[in-house]
Structures are given as C-alpha cells and as structure tokens.
C-alpha cells in the first residue's frame, strides 16, 4: 500500500481521481436487471434503527460511543445539506481507499486500477471521494494531492465546487 513517505505524488493522485470519476460514469449508465439489489449508503443504513450501529455500544467505552454518536449526528447534518443542495447520487464504490487502488505500467504510462467492490451501493457520489482524501491527509503536500485528485475527477465527471466544503 502506498504510504505518506513513498510512492504517491500529484500525477498518481490525479489518476486516482480519474478512476473514481470513470467508476461513477459507468454507474450512471448501469441499468440493473430485475431483482438486482444493492445497499443504500444513506444515514438510515449507517446509523439508523435498522443498521448495526447500535451494536457498537456494547463493544466501545462510553467516551467512544459518545464520539461515534456525535459523528453520526454530524453525518446526518451533512447528508441533509447534500439533499437540500441536490448533490448527485448514484452507484458508489463504498470503499475507495488507497488499499483498494493499484497502479500498473502499460505502454510507458501508468494506469490506476481499483479493487474490492463488495461495498458497492447507492449513495451520494461525493461520499466516495472522502475515504481516499482521508487517507491522503498524512501525506506531505496534502493540499497539492487533494487538488490533483479533484482535478482528475473533474477531468471525467462534473463536481460542483460548492461540494468541496464537505470534503477533508
């Protein structure tokens, strides 16, 4: 896995943004066959009554549970803001992190590949950008990497600048 001290610069980060944008473009064209079901990555699925969120109370300390509950409240507020703003929804990878990305060299150029689609589901597209940006927070030059990632995404898919307020 790529780590903060080696192997990932703006050019590679831009490729990751392009890859995620392409995934979202394919998702926009996907028409599921009858009976094909995917999870919804909305607040109800993450921390609602039908989620498994409540089970965490029995395996965390009081302070950890309070923090998790606070994060769930913040997430609810952000999802409400995204809904009011009409943020794009569609198929999301659900686990777009550095550990699920790889690079291969073909014809003297690097290409990004993505693995692990078992969390694929419906949700806000901007939700998919957050895990990878969170991974990059510890990398030197994070602002440049963040800009390169968003530029790569925007090179293949629209992303309103107003939504950047919701990104790490």
Protein backbone atom coordinates (compact mmCIF):
# COMPACT_ATOMS: atom_id res chain seq x y z
CA UNK A 1 0.00 0.00 0.00
CA UNK A 2 1.19 3.49 -0.75
CA UNK A 3 2.28 5.35 2.35
CA UNK A 4 2.99 9.01 3.17
CA UNK A 5 6.75 8.58 2.85
CA UNK A 6 6.84 6.83 -0.51
CA UNK A 7 5.23 6.41 -3.86
CA UNK A 8 2.37 8.83 -4.34
CA UNK A 9 2.54 12.27 -5.90
CA UNK A 10 0.16 14.61 -7.71
CA UNK A 11 0.30 12.73 -11.03
CA UNK A 12 -0.67 9.39 -9.46
CA UNK A 13 -3.30 11.07 -7.28
CA UNK A 14 -4.81 12.66 -10.39
CA UNK A 15 -5.08 9.18 -11.93
CA UNK A 16 -7.00 8.02 -8.85
CA UNK A 17 -9.44 10.90 -9.28
CA UNK A 18 -9.93 9.98 -12.94
CA UNK A 19 -10.52 6.34 -11.98
CA UNK A 20 -13.21 7.25 -9.47
CA UNK A 21 -14.86 9.61 -11.95
CA UNK A 22 -14.95 6.80 -14.51
CA UNK A 23 -16.48 4.43 -11.96
CA UNK A 24 -19.22 6.99 -11.31
CA UNK A 25 -19.77 7.46 -15.06
CA UNK A 26 -20.19 3.72 -15.56
CA UNK A 27 -22.54 3.62 -12.57
CA UNK A 28 -24.68 6.35 -14.15
CA UNK A 29 -25.17 4.18 -17.25
CA UNK A 30 -25.78 0.93 -15.36
CA UNK A 31 -29.32 -0.42 -15.57
CA UNK A 32 -29.77 -3.30 -13.15
CA UNK A 33 -31.72 -6.37 -14.18
CA UNK A 34 -34.97 -7.12 -12.34
CA UNK A 35 -34.36 -8.28 -8.80
CA UNK A 36 -30.82 -6.86 -8.65
CA UNK A 37 -30.41 -5.15 -5.29
CA UNK A 38 -27.61 -3.09 -3.78
CA UNK A 39 -27.43 -1.42 -0.37
CA UNK A 40 -28.17 2.26 0.14
CA UNK A 41 -25.38 4.18 1.83
CA UNK A 42 -27.62 6.73 3.47
CA UNK A 43 -27.89 7.76 7.09
CA UNK A 44 -30.51 5.09 7.85
CA UNK A 45 -28.18 2.34 6.62
CA UNK A 46 -25.21 3.72 8.53
CA UNK A 47 -26.71 4.61 11.89
CA UNK A 48 -30.47 4.22 11.75
CA UNK A 49 -32.61 1.82 13.72
CA UNK A 50 -32.27 -0.94 11.13
CA UNK A 51 -28.46 -0.61 10.95
CA UNK A 52 -25.99 -2.44 13.15
CA UNK A 53 -24.73 0.86 14.56
CA UNK A 54 -26.37 0.29 17.94
CA UNK A 55 -24.35 -2.90 18.45
CA UNK A 56 -21.24 -0.76 18.81
CA UNK A 57 -22.47 0.50 22.18
CA UNK A 58 -21.71 -2.87 23.75
CA UNK A 59 -18.11 -3.05 22.48
CA UNK A 60 -16.98 0.54 23.00
CA UNK A 61 -16.25 2.66 26.02
CA UNK A 62 -18.73 5.37 26.98
CA UNK A 63 -16.41 8.03 25.53
CA UNK A 64 -16.01 6.10 22.25
CA UNK A 65 -19.77 5.58 21.99
CA UNK A 66 -20.39 9.29 22.55
CA UNK A 67 -17.86 10.13 19.85
CA UNK A 68 -19.46 7.66 17.41
CA UNK A 69 -22.89 9.09 18.19
CA UNK A 70 -21.56 12.62 17.62
CA UNK A 71 -20.10 11.56 14.24
CA UNK A 72 -23.45 10.01 13.29
CA UNK A 73 -25.20 13.30 14.14
CA UNK A 74 -22.68 15.27 12.06
CA UNK A 75 -23.09 12.84 9.17
CA UNK A 76 -26.87 13.23 9.35
CA UNK A 77 -26.46 17.01 9.14
CA UNK A 78 -24.12 16.74 6.14
CA UNK A 79 -26.43 14.32 4.33
CA UNK A 80 -29.31 16.74 4.94
CA UNK A 81 -27.21 19.54 3.44
CA UNK A 82 -26.34 17.37 0.43
CA UNK A 83 -30.01 16.54 -0.07
CA UNK A 84 -31.02 20.21 0.07
CA UNK A 85 -28.20 21.10 -2.37
CA UNK A 86 -29.37 18.43 -4.83
CA UNK A 87 -26.00 16.65 -4.74
CA UNK A 88 -25.62 13.88 -7.30
CA UNK A 89 -26.45 10.37 -6.19
CA UNK A 90 -25.72 7.09 -7.91
CA UNK A 91 -23.63 3.98 -7.58
CA UNK A 92 -20.72 4.43 -5.20
CA UNK A 93 -17.73 2.15 -4.70
CA UNK A 94 -18.21 2.48 -0.96
CA UNK A 95 -14.58 1.74 -0.02
CA UNK A 96 -12.42 3.88 -2.31
CA UNK A 97 -9.24 3.85 -0.21
CA UNK A 98 -5.56 3.56 -1.11
CA UNK A 99 -5.57 -0.10 -0.08
CA UNK A 100 -8.09 -0.80 -2.86
CA UNK A 101 -6.18 1.04 -5.57
CA UNK A 102 -3.17 -0.09 -7.55
CA UNK A 103 -1.07 1.13 -10.44
CA UNK A 104 0.22 -0.75 -13.47
CA UNK A 105 2.59 0.46 -16.13
CA UNK A 106 1.36 -0.03 -19.70
CA UNK A 107 2.86 1.43 -22.86
CA UNK A 108 5.17 3.78 -20.92
CA UNK A 109 2.27 5.22 -18.90
CA UNK A 110 0.82 4.48 -15.50
CA UNK A 111 -2.79 3.38 -15.14
CA UNK A 112 -4.84 3.22 -11.96
CA UNK A 113 -6.87 0.16 -11.10
CA UNK A 114 -9.49 -0.32 -8.41
CA UNK A 115 -10.30 -3.44 -6.37
CA UNK A 116 -12.87 -4.55 -3.80
CA UNK A 117 -16.35 -3.66 -4.98
CA UNK A 118 -18.16 -5.56 -2.22
CA UNK A 119 -19.44 -2.31 -0.67
CA UNK A 120 -20.91 -1.09 -3.97
CA UNK A 121 -24.23 0.62 -3.38
CA UNK A 122 -26.36 3.71 -3.88
CA UNK A 123 -25.39 6.98 -2.25
CA UNK A 124 -24.07 10.49 -2.69
CA UNK A 125 -21.20 10.45 -5.18
CA UNK A 126 -19.22 12.90 -3.05
CA UNK A 127 -19.30 10.22 -0.31
CA UNK A 128 -16.87 8.17 -2.42
CA UNK A 129 -14.26 10.95 -2.53
CA UNK A 130 -13.89 11.22 1.24
CA UNK A 131 -12.15 7.95 2.19
CA UNK A 132 -9.24 8.42 -0.22
CA UNK A 133 -8.86 12.08 0.69
CA UNK A 134 -8.83 10.99 4.32
CA UNK A 135 -6.03 8.54 3.51
CA UNK A 136 -4.04 11.39 1.96
CA UNK A 137 -4.28 13.71 4.99
CA UNK A 138 -1.00 12.36 6.40
CA UNK A 139 0.90 12.70 3.13
CA UNK A 140 3.35 15.57 2.68
CA UNK A 141 1.87 18.21 0.40
CA UNK A 142 -1.75 17.19 1.08
CA UNK A 143 -3.21 20.36 -0.49
CA UNK A 144 -1.48 19.58 -3.82
CA UNK A 145 -2.59 15.94 -3.70
CA UNK A 146 -6.16 16.94 -2.88
CA UNK A 147 -6.20 19.42 -5.77
CA UNK A 148 -4.76 16.80 -8.15
CA UNK A 149 -7.33 14.20 -7.07
CA UNK A 150 -10.24 16.61 -7.56
CA UNK A 151 -8.79 17.81 -10.88
CA UNK A 152 -8.55 14.21 -12.07
CA UNK A 153 -12.13 13.53 -11.03
CA UNK A 154 -13.34 16.69 -12.76
CA UNK A 155 -11.50 15.75 -15.93
CA UNK A 156 -14.07 12.98 -16.46
CA UNK A 157 -17.08 13.96 -14.32
CA UNK A 158 -18.75 17.12 -13.04
CA UNK A 159 -18.17 18.05 -9.40
CA UNK A 160 -19.63 21.36 -8.20
CA UNK A 161 -17.07 23.41 -6.26
CA UNK A 162 -19.63 24.04 -3.51
CA UNK A 163 -19.44 20.35 -2.55
CA UNK A 164 -15.76 20.70 -1.63
CA UNK A 165 -16.90 22.11 1.73
CA UNK A 166 -17.89 18.54 2.64
CA UNK A 167 -14.51 17.00 1.79
CA UNK A 168 -11.49 16.54 4.05
